[in-house]
Every structure is written in C-alpha cells, then in structure tokens.
C-alpha cells in the first residue's frame, strides 16, 4: 500500500503533517507493507530567488497577518508539534525564501534512493534548527548529511535537472484536487487535505487496507461449538 504526501518545504503544517503520517504508519499493524512517498508542491515560487526574508515579513505581506495574530498562529503550531514529539519546532523565528531549488534537491535525493530521509532532513534543518534551505550551499550541506555525492548534487542543481520533475509533482497534486499543502493520498483512492491527526490517518490506513485485503474463511468442515481457537455462533434450534 502506498501513502503519498505532497508538501511545501517551508510550510509548518507540512512538516507536522509529515510527522503525523510517519506516526500513523508506525502504529499501523501492517506498517511494513506501507510505502511512504513524499512529493513536491512548491508554494513560494513567486518569491525572488537568492533573497531571504523573515517569516514575520512574509506573513504580513502575503497573508495580511501581523503582530499578535502571527504570534498566536505560529505558537499554536509550535505547541502542537512539541506535544507530538517535534521539539524544537521553530515557525515564526525563521527565514523564508523561494523553495524551488530545495524541491529540486529533494527530487535529486529521491532519485538516489533517499526520498524519506531527504524530506526528514530538510524539515529537521528548517524547522528544528531554523537553518535556511534555499541556496545551493545550504542544500549541498544537506547532501553531505545524507551521504549524497557533493559534485553530482551540485551539477544536478546548477543544471536544474529536476525542475520538470518538481513541476510535474505539482501538476499531479492539482489534478487530484489539491489546492494547498499538505495533501495526502492513500492507496491512490483516498485524498485528504491538511495536516490530519495521526488517529484519523490511522483509521484511513485501516480502511484502505481492509478494502483490498478482505478476510476469507479457510475451506474445511464445520467449526466446533468451542475449541482451542474460539467459539462458534450457536445454530438456531427448531
């Protein structure tokens, strides 16, 4: 069974949503049969490349949030993250920028077999350590943490080798009905928007699994009324 999650690198709900997906899979009784695949849904492509802003400035200019409103919203997410084991999780006291190159780095890392590890690493760097993840040098540092070849990574990012892959991920999300991130699709059949809590995700995993793995009774004789394996429903008497 496959769980796909579309995310924006600098979206705090995406980092939290990714963590919740991982927790749900860990709690799922068939978790070893679940493949989690992270996909890109860039939302900051309109920001100028090479420039970095404060999150406070972005919230004010793009969303009309300032002062107390931004503080309350950010601290709420940070508190939720802390309650679920993500600490520290820095939302407001962070930087923001164009994330296109970061998504191309993630596509490159995925092609090298590091999909889940790379997304975890970039969320940990950005929200856990409040480190920028926008420039080539920022991403080459992450490449080293993941054991990726530095020069091959540099070449892929300089040549923008994975740009079309990232654009394709975003188009696919929109075709599936996504209007924002995170967006989660379970087994190609159930799409859910937003950072769903892990209990809800766990129920969804169980539903999808049960639909494709129905219980079948083994052939054989009649079940005894009671035996070492359990008791049968008593038959009606005339």
Protein backbone atom coordinates (compact mmCIF):
# COMPACT_ATOMS: atom_id res chain seq x y z
CA UNK A 1 0.00 0.00 0.00
CA UNK A 2 1.29 3.48 -0.87
CA UNK A 3 0.87 6.75 1.00
CA UNK A 4 1.82 9.85 -0.98
CA UNK A 5 2.19 13.24 0.69
CA UNK A 6 2.62 16.49 -1.23
CA UNK A 7 4.36 19.20 0.78
CA UNK A 8 5.98 22.61 0.68
CA UNK A 9 9.37 22.70 2.36
CA UNK A 10 8.72 25.92 4.30
CA UNK A 11 5.12 25.11 5.30
CA UNK A 12 4.93 24.41 9.05
CA UNK A 13 1.76 22.33 8.66
CA UNK A 14 3.61 20.18 6.11
CA UNK A 15 6.43 19.38 8.49
CA UNK A 16 3.90 18.49 11.16
CA UNK A 17 1.75 16.56 8.67
CA UNK A 18 4.73 14.53 7.52
CA UNK A 19 5.49 13.61 11.13
CA UNK A 20 1.88 12.56 11.68
CA UNK A 21 1.94 10.32 8.62
CA UNK A 22 5.07 8.60 9.92
CA UNK A 23 3.48 8.10 13.34
CA UNK A 24 0.31 6.64 11.81
CA UNK A 25 2.34 4.18 9.75
CA UNK A 26 4.35 3.18 12.83
CA UNK A 27 1.11 2.42 14.70
CA UNK A 28 -0.49 0.59 11.78
CA UNK A 29 -0.48 -3.19 12.14
CA UNK A 30 0.75 -3.66 8.56
CA UNK A 31 3.18 -0.76 8.54
CA UNK A 32 5.93 -2.85 6.99
CA UNK A 33 3.77 -3.10 3.87
CA UNK A 34 3.24 0.67 3.54
CA UNK A 35 5.42 2.71 1.22
CA UNK A 36 5.52 6.42 2.10
CA UNK A 37 6.45 8.68 -0.82
CA UNK A 38 6.99 12.42 -0.45
CA UNK A 39 6.23 14.70 -3.39
CA UNK A 40 6.73 18.39 -4.07
CA UNK A 41 4.10 21.11 -4.01
CA UNK A 42 6.03 24.41 -4.11
CA UNK A 43 4.04 27.40 -2.90
CA UNK A 44 6.78 30.04 -2.80
CA UNK A 45 7.84 30.16 -6.44
CA UNK A 46 6.79 33.81 -6.69
CA UNK A 47 9.47 34.88 -4.22
CA UNK A 48 12.70 36.10 -5.85
CA UNK A 49 15.47 33.52 -5.96
CA UNK A 50 18.55 34.44 -3.97
CA UNK A 51 16.65 36.59 -1.46
CA UNK A 52 15.75 35.64 2.11
CA UNK A 53 13.03 37.21 4.21
CA UNK A 54 11.79 36.81 7.74
CA UNK A 55 8.70 34.67 8.25
CA UNK A 56 7.11 37.64 10.00
CA UNK A 57 7.55 39.77 6.85
CA UNK A 58 6.08 37.04 4.63
CA UNK A 59 3.06 36.56 6.89
CA UNK A 60 2.45 40.29 6.82
CA UNK A 61 2.93 40.87 3.08
CA UNK A 62 1.35 37.69 1.67
CA UNK A 63 -1.31 36.83 4.23
CA UNK A 64 -2.04 40.11 5.95
CA UNK A 65 -1.00 38.65 9.31
CA UNK A 66 1.00 40.75 11.66
CA UNK A 67 1.80 41.31 15.28
CA UNK A 68 -0.31 39.33 17.71
CA UNK A 69 -2.16 37.35 15.02
CA UNK A 70 1.05 35.93 13.57
CA UNK A 71 2.37 35.22 17.06
CA UNK A 72 -0.74 33.30 18.12
CA UNK A 73 -0.90 31.27 14.90
CA UNK A 74 2.77 30.32 14.93
CA UNK A 75 2.92 29.47 18.62
CA UNK A 76 -0.13 27.22 18.22
CA UNK A 77 1.64 25.15 15.58
CA UNK A 78 4.82 25.05 17.66
CA UNK A 79 2.86 23.82 20.68
CA UNK A 80 1.14 21.11 18.62
CA UNK A 81 4.49 19.98 17.26
CA UNK A 82 6.04 19.85 20.72
CA UNK A 83 3.11 17.80 22.06
CA UNK A 84 3.78 15.24 19.32
CA UNK A 85 7.49 14.92 19.86
CA UNK A 86 8.81 17.58 17.48
CA UNK A 87 10.88 19.89 19.63
CA UNK A 88 12.24 22.37 18.96
CA UNK A 89 9.98 23.36 16.06
CA UNK A 90 10.68 26.93 15.03
CA UNK A 91 7.98 28.57 12.93
CA UNK A 92 7.92 32.32 13.49
CA UNK A 93 11.57 32.93 14.31
CA UNK A 94 12.76 31.62 10.96
CA UNK A 95 13.57 32.77 7.43
CA UNK A 96 11.64 32.32 4.18
CA UNK A 97 12.57 32.28 0.52
CA UNK A 98 11.98 30.70 -2.87
CA UNK A 99 11.96 26.92 -2.34
CA UNK A 100 12.14 25.77 -5.97
CA UNK A 101 15.79 24.74 -5.70
CA UNK A 102 15.09 22.92 -2.43
CA UNK A 103 12.40 20.88 -4.16
CA UNK A 104 14.78 20.07 -7.00
CA UNK A 105 17.30 18.90 -4.41
CA UNK A 106 14.63 16.64 -2.91
CA UNK A 107 13.82 15.21 -6.34
CA UNK A 108 17.51 14.51 -6.90
CA UNK A 109 17.83 12.87 -3.47
CA UNK A 110 14.73 10.77 -4.19
CA UNK A 111 16.28 9.51 -7.42
CA UNK A 112 19.28 8.48 -5.33
CA UNK A 113 17.04 6.41 -3.05
CA UNK A 114 16.78 8.99 -0.24
CA UNK A 115 13.17 10.18 -0.56
CA UNK A 116 12.01 9.81 3.04
CA UNK A 117 15.43 10.54 4.52
CA UNK A 118 15.82 13.74 2.49
CA UNK A 119 12.42 15.13 3.42
CA UNK A 120 13.03 14.36 7.08
CA UNK A 121 16.43 16.03 6.88
CA UNK A 122 15.16 19.21 5.25
CA UNK A 123 12.27 19.59 7.71
CA UNK A 124 14.65 18.93 10.59
CA UNK A 125 17.12 21.54 9.31
CA UNK A 126 14.49 24.18 8.58
CA UNK A 127 12.07 23.80 11.49
CA UNK A 128 14.27 22.01 14.01
CA UNK A 129 17.41 24.12 13.63
CA UNK A 130 15.96 27.21 11.89
CA UNK A 131 18.58 26.88 9.14
CA UNK A 132 17.97 28.28 5.64
CA UNK A 133 17.46 25.68 2.90
CA UNK A 134 17.22 27.96 -0.13
CA UNK A 135 20.70 28.34 -1.61
CA UNK A 136 22.98 25.91 -3.38
CA UNK A 137 25.40 25.88 -0.45
CA UNK A 138 22.56 25.26 2.03
CA UNK A 139 21.49 22.22 0.04
CA UNK A 140 24.99 20.89 -0.52
CA UNK A 141 25.36 20.83 3.26
CA UNK A 142 22.26 18.64 3.46
CA UNK A 143 23.67 16.46 0.69
CA UNK A 144 26.64 15.75 2.92
CA UNK A 145 24.36 14.77 5.81
CA UNK A 146 22.56 12.32 3.53
CA UNK A 147 25.72 10.83 2.07
CA UNK A 148 24.97 12.11 -1.43
CA UNK A 149 27.80 12.79 -3.83
CA UNK A 150 28.51 16.50 -3.46
CA UNK A 151 29.66 17.20 -7.02
CA UNK A 152 26.89 15.21 -8.63
CA UNK A 153 24.38 17.07 -6.47
CA UNK A 154 25.96 20.41 -7.37
CA UNK A 155 25.75 19.59 -11.07
CA UNK A 156 22.10 18.50 -10.83
CA UNK A 157 21.11 21.70 -9.05
CA UNK A 158 23.20 24.01 -11.20
CA UNK A 159 21.78 22.49 -14.38
CA UNK A 160 18.25 22.44 -12.87
CA UNK A 161 18.00 18.80 -13.91
CA UNK A 162 14.97 18.09 -11.74
CA UNK A 163 12.90 21.19 -12.46
CA UNK A 164 10.41 19.38 -14.69
CA UNK A 165 10.01 16.60 -12.12
CA UNK A 166 9.04 19.16 -9.47
CA UNK A 167 6.60 20.90 -11.81
CA UNK A 168 5.09 17.52 -12.67
CA UNK A 169 4.57 16.72 -8.99
CA UNK A 170 2.68 19.98 -8.51
CA UNK A 171 0.53 19.40 -11.61
CA UNK A 172 -0.34 15.91 -10.40
CA UNK A 173 -1.43 17.27 -7.00
CA UNK A 174 -3.72 19.81 -8.65
CA UNK A 175 -5.22 17.15 -10.93
CA UNK A 176 -6.05 15.15 -7.81
CA UNK A 177 -7.85 18.13 -6.33
CA UNK A 178 -5.20 19.69 -4.08
CA UNK A 179 -5.45 23.42 -3.55
CA UNK A 180 -2.76 23.63 -0.88
CA UNK A 181 -0.31 21.63 1.16
CA UNK A 182 -0.04 19.18 2.75
CA UNK A 183 -2.13 16.89 0.59
CA UNK A 184 -2.19 13.15 1.27
CA UNK A 185 -3.34 10.30 -0.97
CA UNK A 186 -3.71 6.79 0.44
CA UNK A 187 -3.51 3.84 -1.94
CA UNK A 188 -4.40 6.05 -4.90
CA UNK A 189 -8.03 6.20 -3.73
CA UNK A 190 -8.39 8.46 -0.71
CA UNK A 191 -7.26 12.08 -0.81
CA UNK A 192 -7.20 14.24 2.31
CA UNK A 193 -6.15 17.86 2.65
CA UNK A 194 -4.31 19.37 5.58
CA UNK A 195 -2.23 18.03 8.45
CA UNK A 196 -4.65 15.35 9.63
CA UNK A 197 -4.03 13.99 13.12
CA UNK A 198 -2.38 10.60 13.35
CA UNK A 199 -5.53 8.91 14.73
CA UNK A 200 -7.51 9.95 11.64
CA UNK A 201 -4.71 8.85 9.36
CA UNK A 202 -4.51 5.50 11.14
CA UNK A 203 -8.23 4.92 10.60
CA UNK A 204 -7.80 5.76 6.94
CA UNK A 205 -4.92 3.30 6.59
CA UNK A 206 -7.04 0.57 8.15
CA UNK A 207 -9.99 1.35 5.88
CA UNK A 208 -7.86 1.26 2.74
CA UNK A 209 -6.15 -1.94 3.85
CA UNK A 210 -9.38 -3.77 4.73
CA UNK A 211 -10.90 -2.90 1.36
CA UNK A 212 -8.09 -4.60 -0.52
CA UNK A 213 -7.41 -7.40 1.98
CA UNK A 214 -10.80 -8.93 2.85
CA UNK A 215 -10.92 -11.73 5.37
CA UNK A 216 -11.61 -15.12 3.77
CA UNK A 217 -12.58 -18.28 5.59
CA UNK A 218 -10.41 -21.30 5.00
CA UNK A 219 -12.17 -24.34 3.49
CA UNK A 220 -12.94 -27.17 5.84
CA UNK A 221 -15.57 -28.86 7.89
CA UNK A 222 -17.91 -27.37 10.44
CA UNK A 223 -16.49 -25.24 13.20
CA UNK A 224 -16.90 -26.88 16.60
CA UNK A 225 -19.01 -25.06 19.16
CA UNK A 226 -15.93 -24.33 21.25
CA UNK A 227 -12.38 -25.29 20.73
CA UNK A 228 -8.85 -24.11 21.38
CA UNK A 229 -9.23 -21.33 18.79
CA UNK A 230 -12.54 -19.88 19.92
CA UNK A 231 -16.28 -20.49 19.95
CA UNK A 232 -18.74 -20.62 17.07
CA UNK A 233 -22.05 -18.81 16.95
CA UNK A 234 -24.65 -21.36 18.08
CA UNK A 235 -27.01 -22.52 15.34
CA UNK A 236 -30.71 -21.85 15.68
CA UNK A 237 -32.80 -24.69 17.04
CA UNK A 238 -36.28 -25.56 15.82
